[in-house]
């Protein structure tokens, strides 16, 4: 299997998660995504 994080954006601030420590938030470009799927 391959886990593909198409985004690291999130709409929650869960108590057990360090998501708030991320320095950069983004979304995977469709061209890169298709390259990976291919």
ModelCIF file with pLDDT and N, C-alpha, C, O atoms, coordinates in Angstrom:
data_MODEL
#
_entry.id   MODEL 
#
_entity.id                         1 
_entity.type                       polymer 
_entity.pdbx_number_of_molecules   1 
#
_entity_poly.entity_id                      1 
_entity_poly.type                           'polypeptide(L)' 
_entity_poly.nstd_linkage                   no 
_entity_poly.nstd_monomer                   no 
_entity_poly.pdbx_seq_one_letter_code       
;(UNK)(UNK)(UNK)(UNK)(UNK)(UNK)(UNK)(UNK)(UNK)(UNK)(UNK)(UNK)(UNK)(UNK)(UNK)(UNK)
(UNK)(UNK)(UNK)(UNK)(UNK)(UNK)(UNK)(UNK)(UNK)(UNK)(UNK)(UNK)(UNK)(UNK)(UNK)(UNK)
(UNK)(UNK)(UNK)(UNK)(UNK)(UNK)
;
_entity_poly.pdbx_seq_one_letter_code_can   XXXXXXXXXXXXXXXXXXXXXXXXXXXXXXXXXXXXXX 
_entity_poly.pdbx_strand_id                 A 
#
loop_
_entity_poly_seq.entity_id 
_entity_poly_seq.num 
_entity_poly_seq.mon_id 
_entity_poly_seq.hetero 
1 1  UNK n 
1 2  UNK n 
1 3  UNK n 
1 4  UNK n 
1 5  UNK n 
1 6  UNK n 
1 7  UNK n 
1 8  UNK n 
1 9  UNK n 
1 10 UNK n 
1 11 UNK n 
1 12 UNK n 
1 13 UNK n 
1 14 UNK n 
1 15 UNK n 
1 16 UNK n 
1 17 UNK n 
1 18 UNK n 
1 19 UNK n 
1 20 UNK n 
1 21 UNK n 
1 22 UNK n 
1 23 UNK n 
1 24 UNK n 
1 25 UNK n 
1 26 UNK n 
1 27 UNK n 
1 28 UNK n 
1 29 UNK n 
1 30 UNK n 
1 31 UNK n 
1 32 UNK n 
1 33 UNK n 
1 34 UNK n 
1 35 UNK n 
1 36 UNK n 
1 37 UNK n 
1 38 UNK n 
#
_struct_asym.id          A 
_struct_asym.entity_id   1 
#
loop_
_ma_qa_metric.id 
_ma_qa_metric.mode 
_ma_qa_metric.name 
_ma_qa_metric.software_group_id 
_ma_qa_metric.type 
1 global pLDDT . pLDDT 
2 local  pLDDT . pLDDT 
#
_ma_qa_metric_global.metric_id      1 
_ma_qa_metric_global.metric_value   94.97 
_ma_qa_metric_global.model_id       1 
_ma_qa_metric_global.ordinal_id     1 
#
loop_
_ma_qa_metric_local.label_asym_id 
_ma_qa_metric_local.label_comp_id 
_ma_qa_metric_local.label_seq_id 
_ma_qa_metric_local.metric_id 
_ma_qa_metric_local.metric_value 
_ma_qa_metric_local.model_id 
_ma_qa_metric_local.ordinal_id 
A UNK 1  2 96.00 1 1  
A UNK 2  2 97.00 1 2  
A UNK 3  2 97.00 1 3  
A UNK 4  2 98.00 1 4  
A UNK 5  2 97.00 1 5  
A UNK 6  2 97.00 1 6  
A UNK 7  2 97.00 1 7  
A UNK 8  2 96.00 1 8  
A UNK 9  2 97.00 1 9  
A UNK 10 2 96.00 1 10 
A UNK 11 2 95.00 1 11 
A UNK 12 2 94.00 1 12 
A UNK 13 2 93.00 1 13 
A UNK 14 2 92.00 1 14 
A UNK 15 2 90.00 1 15 
A UNK 16 2 90.00 1 16 
A UNK 17 2 90.00 1 17 
A UNK 18 2 91.00 1 18 
A UNK 19 2 90.00 1 19 
A UNK 20 2 89.00 1 20 
A UNK 21 2 90.00 1 21 
A UNK 22 2 91.00 1 22 
A UNK 23 2 89.00 1 23 
A UNK 24 2 93.00 1 24 
A UNK 25 2 95.00 1 25 
A UNK 26 2 97.00 1 26 
A UNK 27 2 98.00 1 27 
A UNK 28 2 97.00 1 28 
A UNK 29 2 96.00 1 29 
A UNK 30 2 98.00 1 30 
A UNK 31 2 97.00 1 31 
A UNK 32 2 98.00 1 32 
A UNK 33 2 98.00 1 33 
A UNK 34 2 98.00 1 34 
A UNK 35 2 98.00 1 35 
A UNK 36 2 98.00 1 36 
A UNK 37 2 98.00 1 37 
A UNK 38 2 98.00 1 38 
#
loop_
_atom_site.group_PDB 
_atom_site.id 
_atom_site.type_symbol 
_atom_site.label_atom_id 
_atom_site.label_alt_id 
_atom_site.label_comp_id 
_atom_site.label_asym_id 
_atom_site.label_entity_id 
_atom_site.label_seq_id 
_atom_site.pdbx_PDB_ins_code 
_atom_site.Cartn_x 
_atom_site.Cartn_y 
_atom_site.Cartn_z 
_atom_site.occupancy 
_atom_site.B_iso_or_equiv 
_atom_site.pdbx_formal_charge 
_atom_site.auth_seq_id 
_atom_site.auth_comp_id 
_atom_site.auth_asym_id 
_atom_site.auth_atom_id 
_atom_site.pdbx_PDB_model_num 
ATOM 1   N N  . UNK A 1 1  ? 0.832   -1.199 0.000   1.00 96.00 ? 1  UNK A N  1 
ATOM 2   C CA . UNK A 1 1  ? 0.000   0.000  0.000   1.00 96.00 ? 1  UNK A CA 1 
ATOM 3   C C  . UNK A 1 1  ? 0.866   1.248  0.000   1.00 96.00 ? 1  UNK A C  1 
ATOM 4   O O  . UNK A 1 1  ? 2.010   1.227  0.454   1.00 96.00 ? 1  UNK A O  1 
ATOM 5   N N  . UNK A 1 2  ? 0.309   2.329  -0.512  1.00 97.00 ? 2  UNK A N  1 
ATOM 6   C CA . UNK A 1 2  ? 0.966   3.631  -0.455  1.00 97.00 ? 2  UNK A CA 1 
ATOM 7   C C  . UNK A 1 2  ? -0.017  4.628  0.154   1.00 97.00 ? 2  UNK A C  1 
ATOM 8   O O  . UNK A 1 2  ? -1.119  4.818  -0.360  1.00 97.00 ? 2  UNK A O  1 
ATOM 9   N N  . UNK A 1 3  ? 0.395   5.267  1.260   1.00 97.00 ? 3  UNK A N  1 
ATOM 10  C CA . UNK A 1 3  ? -0.402  6.341  1.837   1.00 97.00 ? 3  UNK A CA 1 
ATOM 11  C C  . UNK A 1 3  ? -0.010  7.637  1.141   1.00 97.00 ? 3  UNK A C  1 
ATOM 12  O O  . UNK A 1 3  ? 1.169   7.985  1.082   1.00 97.00 ? 3  UNK A O  1 
ATOM 13  N N  . UNK A 1 4  ? -0.999  8.347  0.617   1.00 98.00 ? 4  UNK A N  1 
ATOM 14  C CA . UNK A 1 4  ? -0.744  9.600  -0.086  1.00 98.00 ? 4  UNK A CA 1 
ATOM 15  C C  . UNK A 1 4  ? -1.479  10.720 0.651   1.00 98.00 ? 4  UNK A C  1 
ATOM 16  O O  . UNK A 1 4  ? -2.709  10.779 0.641   1.00 98.00 ? 4  UNK A O  1 
ATOM 17  N N  . UNK A 1 5  ? -0.723  11.594 1.279   1.00 97.00 ? 5  UNK A N  1 
ATOM 18  C CA . UNK A 1 5  ? -1.340  12.725 1.959   1.00 97.00 ? 5  UNK A CA 1 
ATOM 19  C C  . UNK A 1 5  ? -1.648  13.808 0.952   1.00 97.00 ? 5  UNK A C  1 
ATOM 20  O O  . UNK A 1 5  ? -0.785  14.631 0.647   1.00 97.00 ? 5  UNK A O  1 
ATOM 21  N N  . UNK A 1 6  ? -2.856  13.824 0.433   1.00 97.00 ? 6  UNK A N  1 
ATOM 22  C CA . UNK A 1 6  ? -3.192  14.828 -0.576  1.00 97.00 ? 6  UNK A CA 1 
ATOM 23  C C  . UNK A 1 6  ? -3.222  16.227 0.027   1.00 97.00 ? 6  UNK A C  1 
ATOM 24  O O  . UNK A 1 6  ? -3.108  17.223 -0.687  1.00 97.00 ? 6  UNK A O  1 
ATOM 25  N N  . UNK A 1 7  ? -3.377  16.294 1.350   1.00 97.00 ? 7  UNK A N  1 
ATOM 26  C CA . UNK A 1 7  ? -3.252  17.558 2.078   1.00 97.00 ? 7  UNK A CA 1 
ATOM 27  C C  . UNK A 1 7  ? -2.906  17.256 3.532   1.00 97.00 ? 7  UNK A C  1 
ATOM 28  O O  . UNK A 1 7  ? -3.232  16.189 4.051   1.00 97.00 ? 7  UNK A O  1 
ATOM 29  N N  . UNK A 1 8  ? -2.241  18.212 4.181   1.00 96.00 ? 8  UNK A N  1 
ATOM 30  C CA . UNK A 1 8  ? -2.010  18.100 5.625   1.00 96.00 ? 8  UNK A CA 1 
ATOM 31  C C  . UNK A 1 8  ? -2.816  19.154 6.385   1.00 96.00 ? 8  UNK A C  1 
ATOM 32  O O  . UNK A 1 8  ? -2.582  19.396 7.569   1.00 96.00 ? 8  UNK A O  1 
ATOM 33  N N  . UNK A 1 9  ? -3.765  19.775 5.688   1.00 97.00 ? 9  UNK A N  1 
ATOM 34  C CA . UNK A 1 9  ? -4.670  20.720 6.346   1.00 97.00 ? 9  UNK A CA 1 
ATOM 35  C C  . UNK A 1 9  ? -5.678  19.947 7.192   1.00 97.00 ? 9  UNK A C  1 
ATOM 36  O O  . UNK A 1 9  ? -6.055  18.829 6.843   1.00 97.00 ? 9  UNK A O  1 
ATOM 37  N N  . UNK A 1 10 ? -6.107  20.533 8.288   1.00 96.00 ? 10 UNK A N  1 
ATOM 38  C CA . UNK A 1 10 ? -7.092  19.880 9.149   1.00 96.00 ? 10 UNK A CA 1 
ATOM 39  C C  . UNK A 1 10 ? -7.982  20.930 9.790   1.00 96.00 ? 10 UNK A C  1 
ATOM 40  O O  . UNK A 1 10 ? -7.563  22.069 9.998   1.00 96.00 ? 10 UNK A O  1 
ATOM 41  N N  . UNK A 1 11 ? -9.211  20.541 10.102  1.00 95.00 ? 11 UNK A N  1 
ATOM 42  C CA . UNK A 1 11 ? -10.180 21.479 10.678  1.00 95.00 ? 11 UNK A CA 1 
ATOM 43  C C  . UNK A 1 11 ? -10.458 21.188 12.148  1.00 95.00 ? 11 UNK A C  1 
ATOM 44  O O  . UNK A 1 11 ? -11.444 21.670 12.705  1.00 95.00 ? 11 UNK A O  1 
ATOM 45  N N  . UNK A 1 12 ? -9.587  20.399 12.775  1.00 94.00 ? 12 UNK A N  1 
ATOM 46  C CA . UNK A 1 12 ? -9.750  20.111 14.196  1.00 94.00 ? 12 UNK A CA 1 
ATOM 47  C C  . UNK A 1 12 ? -8.429  20.306 14.918  1.00 94.00 ? 12 UNK A C  1 
ATOM 48  O O  . UNK A 1 12 ? -7.369  20.356 14.295  1.00 94.00 ? 12 UNK A O  1 
ATOM 49  N N  . UNK A 1 13 ? -8.503  20.414 16.218  1.00 93.00 ? 13 UNK A N  1 
ATOM 50  C CA . UNK A 1 13 ? -7.298  20.565 17.045  1.00 93.00 ? 13 UNK A CA 1 
ATOM 51  C C  . UNK A 1 13 ? -7.361  19.510 18.150  1.00 93.00 ? 13 UNK A C  1 
ATOM 52  O O  . UNK A 1 13 ? -7.563  19.839 19.319  1.00 93.00 ? 13 UNK A O  1 
ATOM 53  N N  . UNK A 1 14 ? -7.190  18.256 17.777  1.00 92.00 ? 14 UNK A N  1 
ATOM 54  C CA . UNK A 1 14 ? -7.362  17.145 18.700  1.00 92.00 ? 14 UNK A CA 1 
ATOM 55  C C  . UNK A 1 14 ? -6.287  17.151 19.784  1.00 92.00 ? 14 UNK A C  1 
ATOM 56  O O  . UNK A 1 14 ? -5.136  17.503 19.528  1.00 92.00 ? 14 UNK A O  1 
ATOM 57  N N  . UNK A 1 15 ? -6.671  16.764 20.983  1.00 90.00 ? 15 UNK A N  1 
ATOM 58  C CA . UNK A 1 15 ? -5.776  16.882 22.132  1.00 90.00 ? 15 UNK A CA 1 
ATOM 59  C C  . UNK A 1 15 ? -4.550  15.985 22.026  1.00 90.00 ? 15 UNK A C  1 
ATOM 60  O O  . UNK A 1 15 ? -3.520  16.282 22.631  1.00 90.00 ? 15 UNK A O  1 
ATOM 61  N N  . UNK A 1 16 ? -4.639  14.884 21.263  1.00 90.00 ? 16 UNK A N  1 
ATOM 62  C CA . UNK A 1 16 ? -3.522  13.943 21.179  1.00 90.00 ? 16 UNK A CA 1 
ATOM 63  C C  . UNK A 1 16 ? -2.675  14.152 19.929  1.00 90.00 ? 16 UNK A C  1 
ATOM 64  O O  . UNK A 1 16 ? -1.762  13.373 19.656  1.00 90.00 ? 16 UNK A O  1 
ATOM 65  N N  . UNK A 1 17 ? -2.978  15.204 19.171  1.00 90.00 ? 17 UNK A N  1 
ATOM 66  C CA . UNK A 1 17 ? -2.340  15.387 17.868  1.00 90.00 ? 17 UNK A CA 1 
ATOM 67  C C  . UNK A 1 17 ? -1.456  16.639 17.837  1.00 90.00 ? 17 UNK A C  1 
ATOM 68  O O  . UNK A 1 17 ? -1.871  17.695 18.316  1.00 90.00 ? 17 UNK A O  1 
ATOM 69  N N  . UNK A 1 18 ? -0.249  16.535 17.283  1.00 91.00 ? 18 UNK A N  1 
ATOM 70  C CA . UNK A 1 18 ? 0.654   17.689 17.186  1.00 91.00 ? 18 UNK A CA 1 
ATOM 71  C C  . UNK A 1 18 ? 0.489   18.488 15.904  1.00 91.00 ? 18 UNK A C  1 
ATOM 72  O O  . UNK A 1 18 ? 1.411   19.187 15.486  1.00 91.00 ? 18 UNK A O  1 
ATOM 73  N N  . UNK A 1 19 ? -0.679  18.391 15.275  1.00 90.00 ? 19 UNK A N  1 
ATOM 74  C CA . UNK A 1 19 ? -0.886  19.052 13.993  1.00 90.00 ? 19 UNK A CA 1 
ATOM 75  C C  . UNK A 1 19 ? -0.581  20.541 14.058  1.00 90.00 ? 19 UNK A C  1 
ATOM 76  O O  . UNK A 1 19 ? -0.094  21.120 13.087  1.00 90.00 ? 19 UNK A O  1 
ATOM 77  N N  . UNK A 1 20 ? -0.863  21.159 15.190  1.00 89.00 ? 20 UNK A N  1 
ATOM 78  C CA . UNK A 1 20 ? -0.645  22.611 15.336  1.00 89.00 ? 20 UNK A CA 1 
ATOM 79  C C  . UNK A 1 20 ? 0.832   22.984 15.250  1.00 89.00 ? 20 UNK A C  1 
ATOM 80  O O  . UNK A 1 20 ? 1.172   24.161 15.129  1.00 89.00 ? 20 UNK A O  1 
ATOM 81  N N  . UNK A 1 21 ? 1.707   21.985 15.311  1.00 90.00 ? 21 UNK A N  1 
ATOM 82  C CA . UNK A 1 21 ? 3.147   22.251 15.232  1.00 90.00 ? 21 UNK A CA 1 
ATOM 83  C C  . UNK A 1 21 ? 3.679   22.260 13.796  1.00 90.00 ? 21 UNK A C  1 
ATOM 84  O O  . UNK A 1 21 ? 4.837   22.609 13.564  1.00 90.00 ? 21 UNK A O  1 
ATOM 85  N N  . UNK A 1 22 ? 2.842   21.879 12.843  1.00 91.00 ? 22 UNK A N  1 
ATOM 86  C CA . UNK A 1 22 ? 3.277   21.878 11.447  1.00 91.00 ? 22 UNK A CA 1 
ATOM 87  C C  . UNK A 1 22 ? 3.639   23.295 10.998  1.00 91.00 ? 22 UNK A C  1 
ATOM 88  O O  . UNK A 1 22 ? 2.964   24.266 11.342  1.00 91.00 ? 22 UNK A O  1 
ATOM 89  N N  . UNK A 1 23 ? 4.701   23.385 10.236  1.00 89.00 ? 23 UNK A N  1 
ATOM 90  C CA . UNK A 1 23 ? 5.187   24.694 9.792   1.00 89.00 ? 23 UNK A CA 1 
ATOM 91  C C  . UNK A 1 23 ? 4.650   25.080 8.425   1.00 89.00 ? 23 UNK A C  1 
ATOM 92  O O  . UNK A 1 23 ? 4.661   26.258 8.067   1.00 89.00 ? 23 UNK A O  1 
ATOM 93  N N  . UNK A 1 24 ? 4.179   24.104 7.655   1.00 93.00 ? 24 UNK A N  1 
ATOM 94  C CA . UNK A 1 24 ? 3.699   24.404 6.306   1.00 93.00 ? 24 UNK A CA 1 
ATOM 95  C C  . UNK A 1 24 ? 2.493   23.539 5.986   1.00 93.00 ? 24 UNK A C  1 
ATOM 96  O O  . UNK A 1 24 ? 2.505   22.330 6.218   1.00 93.00 ? 24 UNK A O  1 
ATOM 97  N N  . UNK A 1 25 ? 1.456   24.163 5.454   1.00 95.00 ? 25 UNK A N  1 
ATOM 98  C CA . UNK A 1 25 ? 0.232   23.466 5.065   1.00 95.00 ? 25 UNK A CA 1 
ATOM 99  C C  . UNK A 1 25 ? 0.086   23.558 3.550   1.00 95.00 ? 25 UNK A C  1 
ATOM 100 O O  . UNK A 1 25 ? 0.301   24.620 2.967   1.00 95.00 ? 25 UNK A O  1 
ATOM 101 N N  . UNK A 1 26 ? -0.277  22.451 2.914   1.00 97.00 ? 26 UNK A N  1 
ATOM 102 C CA . UNK A 1 26 ? -0.416  22.484 1.462   1.00 97.00 ? 26 UNK A CA 1 
ATOM 103 C C  . UNK A 1 26 ? -1.309  21.381 0.920   1.00 97.00 ? 26 UNK A C  1 
ATOM 104 O O  . UNK A 1 26 ? -1.814  20.542 1.666   1.00 97.00 ? 26 UNK A O  1 
ATOM 105 N N  . UNK A 1 27 ? -1.492  21.401 -0.388  1.00 98.00 ? 27 UNK A N  1 
ATOM 106 C CA . UNK A 1 27 ? -2.322  20.425 -1.091  1.00 98.00 ? 27 UNK A CA 1 
ATOM 107 C C  . UNK A 1 27 ? -1.518  19.860 -2.250  1.00 98.00 ? 27 UNK A C  1 
ATOM 108 O O  . UNK A 1 27 ? -0.788  20.597 -2.912  1.00 98.00 ? 27 UNK A O  1 
ATOM 109 N N  . UNK A 1 28 ? -1.641  18.585 -2.501  1.00 97.00 ? 28 UNK A N  1 
ATOM 110 C CA . UNK A 1 28 ? -0.856  17.963 -3.557  1.00 97.00 ? 28 UNK A CA 1 
ATOM 111 C C  . UNK A 1 28 ? -1.324  18.401 -4.941  1.00 97.00 ? 28 UNK A C  1 
ATOM 112 O O  . UNK A 1 28 ? -2.510  18.343 -5.266  1.00 97.00 ? 28 UNK A O  1 
ATOM 113 N N  . UNK A 1 29 ? -0.374  18.834 -5.733  1.00 96.00 ? 29 UNK A N  1 
ATOM 114 C CA . UNK A 1 29 ? -0.624  19.218 -7.126  1.00 96.00 ? 29 UNK A CA 1 
ATOM 115 C C  . UNK A 1 29 ? -1.137  18.011 -7.913  1.00 96.00 ? 29 UNK A C  1 
ATOM 116 O O  . UNK A 1 29 ? -0.651  16.894 -7.735  1.00 96.00 ? 29 UNK A O  1 
ATOM 117 N N  . UNK A 1 30 ? -2.107  18.239 -8.770  1.00 98.00 ? 30 UNK A N  1 
ATOM 118 C CA . UNK A 1 30 ? -2.722  17.137 -9.513  1.00 98.00 ? 30 UNK A CA 1 
ATOM 119 C C  . UNK A 1 30 ? -1.724  16.438 -10.436 1.00 98.00 ? 30 UNK A C  1 
ATOM 120 O O  . UNK A 1 30 ? -1.800  15.221 -10.606 1.00 98.00 ? 30 UNK A O  1 
ATOM 121 N N  . UNK A 1 31 ? -0.811  17.167 -11.025 1.00 97.00 ? 31 UNK A N  1 
ATOM 122 C CA . UNK A 1 31 ? 0.184   16.539 -11.899 1.00 97.00 ? 31 UNK A CA 1 
ATOM 123 C C  . UNK A 1 31 ? 1.085   15.589 -11.107 1.00 97.00 ? 31 UNK A C  1 
ATOM 124 O O  . UNK A 1 31 ? 1.393   14.490 -11.567 1.00 97.00 ? 31 UNK A O  1 
ATOM 125 N N  . UNK A 1 32 ? 1.503   16.016 -9.927  1.00 98.00 ? 32 UNK A N  1 
ATOM 126 C CA . UNK A 1 32 ? 2.313   15.143 -9.079  1.00 98.00 ? 32 UNK A CA 1 
ATOM 127 C C  . UNK A 1 32 ? 1.502   13.937 -8.647  1.00 98.00 ? 32 UNK A C  1 
ATOM 128 O O  . UNK A 1 32 ? 2.000   12.811 -8.645  1.00 98.00 ? 32 UNK A O  1 
ATOM 129 N N  . UNK A 1 33 ? 0.252   14.174 -8.282  1.00 98.00 ? 33 UNK A N  1 
ATOM 130 C CA . UNK A 1 33 ? -0.618  13.066 -7.868  1.00 98.00 ? 33 UNK A CA 1 
ATOM 131 C C  . UNK A 1 33 ? -0.753  12.018 -8.966  1.00 98.00 ? 33 UNK A C  1 
ATOM 132 O O  . UNK A 1 33 ? -0.629  10.821 -8.704  1.00 98.00 ? 33 UNK A O  1 
ATOM 133 N N  . UNK A 1 34 ? -1.007  12.465 -10.193 1.00 98.00 ? 34 UNK A N  1 
ATOM 134 C CA . UNK A 1 34 ? -1.163  11.521 -11.302 1.00 98.00 ? 34 UNK A CA 1 
ATOM 135 C C  . UNK A 1 34 ? 0.128   10.762 -11.580 1.00 98.00 ? 34 UNK A C  1 
ATOM 136 O O  . UNK A 1 34 ? 0.095   9.576  -11.908 1.00 98.00 ? 34 UNK A O  1 
ATOM 137 N N  . UNK A 1 35 ? 1.260   11.438 -11.450 1.00 98.00 ? 35 UNK A N  1 
ATOM 138 C CA . UNK A 1 35 ? 2.551   10.774 -11.617 1.00 98.00 ? 35 UNK A CA 1 
ATOM 139 C C  . UNK A 1 35 ? 2.698   9.634  -10.600 1.00 98.00 ? 35 UNK A C  1 
ATOM 140 O O  . UNK A 1 35 ? 3.155   8.541  -10.934 1.00 98.00 ? 35 UNK A O  1 
ATOM 141 N N  . UNK A 1 36 ? 2.303   9.914  -9.359  1.00 98.00 ? 36 UNK A N  1 
ATOM 142 C CA . UNK A 1 36 ? 2.419   8.913  -8.303  1.00 98.00 ? 36 UNK A CA 1 
ATOM 143 C C  . UNK A 1 36 ? 1.477   7.741  -8.554  1.00 98.00 ? 36 UNK A C  1 
ATOM 144 O O  . UNK A 1 36 ? 1.867   6.582  -8.405  1.00 98.00 ? 36 UNK A O  1 
ATOM 145 N N  . UNK A 1 37 ? 0.250   8.040  -8.932  1.00 98.00 ? 37 UNK A N  1 
ATOM 146 C CA . UNK A 1 37 ? -0.725  6.972  -9.197  1.00 98.00 ? 37 UNK A CA 1 
ATOM 147 C C  . UNK A 1 37 ? -0.283  6.120  -10.383 1.00 98.00 ? 37 UNK A C  1 
ATOM 148 O O  . UNK A 1 37 ? -0.394  4.894  -10.344 1.00 98.00 ? 37 UNK A O  1 
ATOM 149 N N  . UNK A 1 38 ? 0.212   6.756  -11.423 1.00 98.00 ? 38 UNK A N  1 
ATOM 150 C CA . UNK A 1 38 ? 0.723   6.009  -12.579 1.00 98.00 ? 38 UNK A CA 1 
ATOM 151 C C  . UNK A 1 38 ? 1.878   5.103  -12.168 1.00 98.00 ? 38 UNK A C  1 
ATOM 152 O O  . UNK A 1 38 ? 2.437   4.396  -13.006 1.00 98.00 ? 38 UNK A O  1 
#
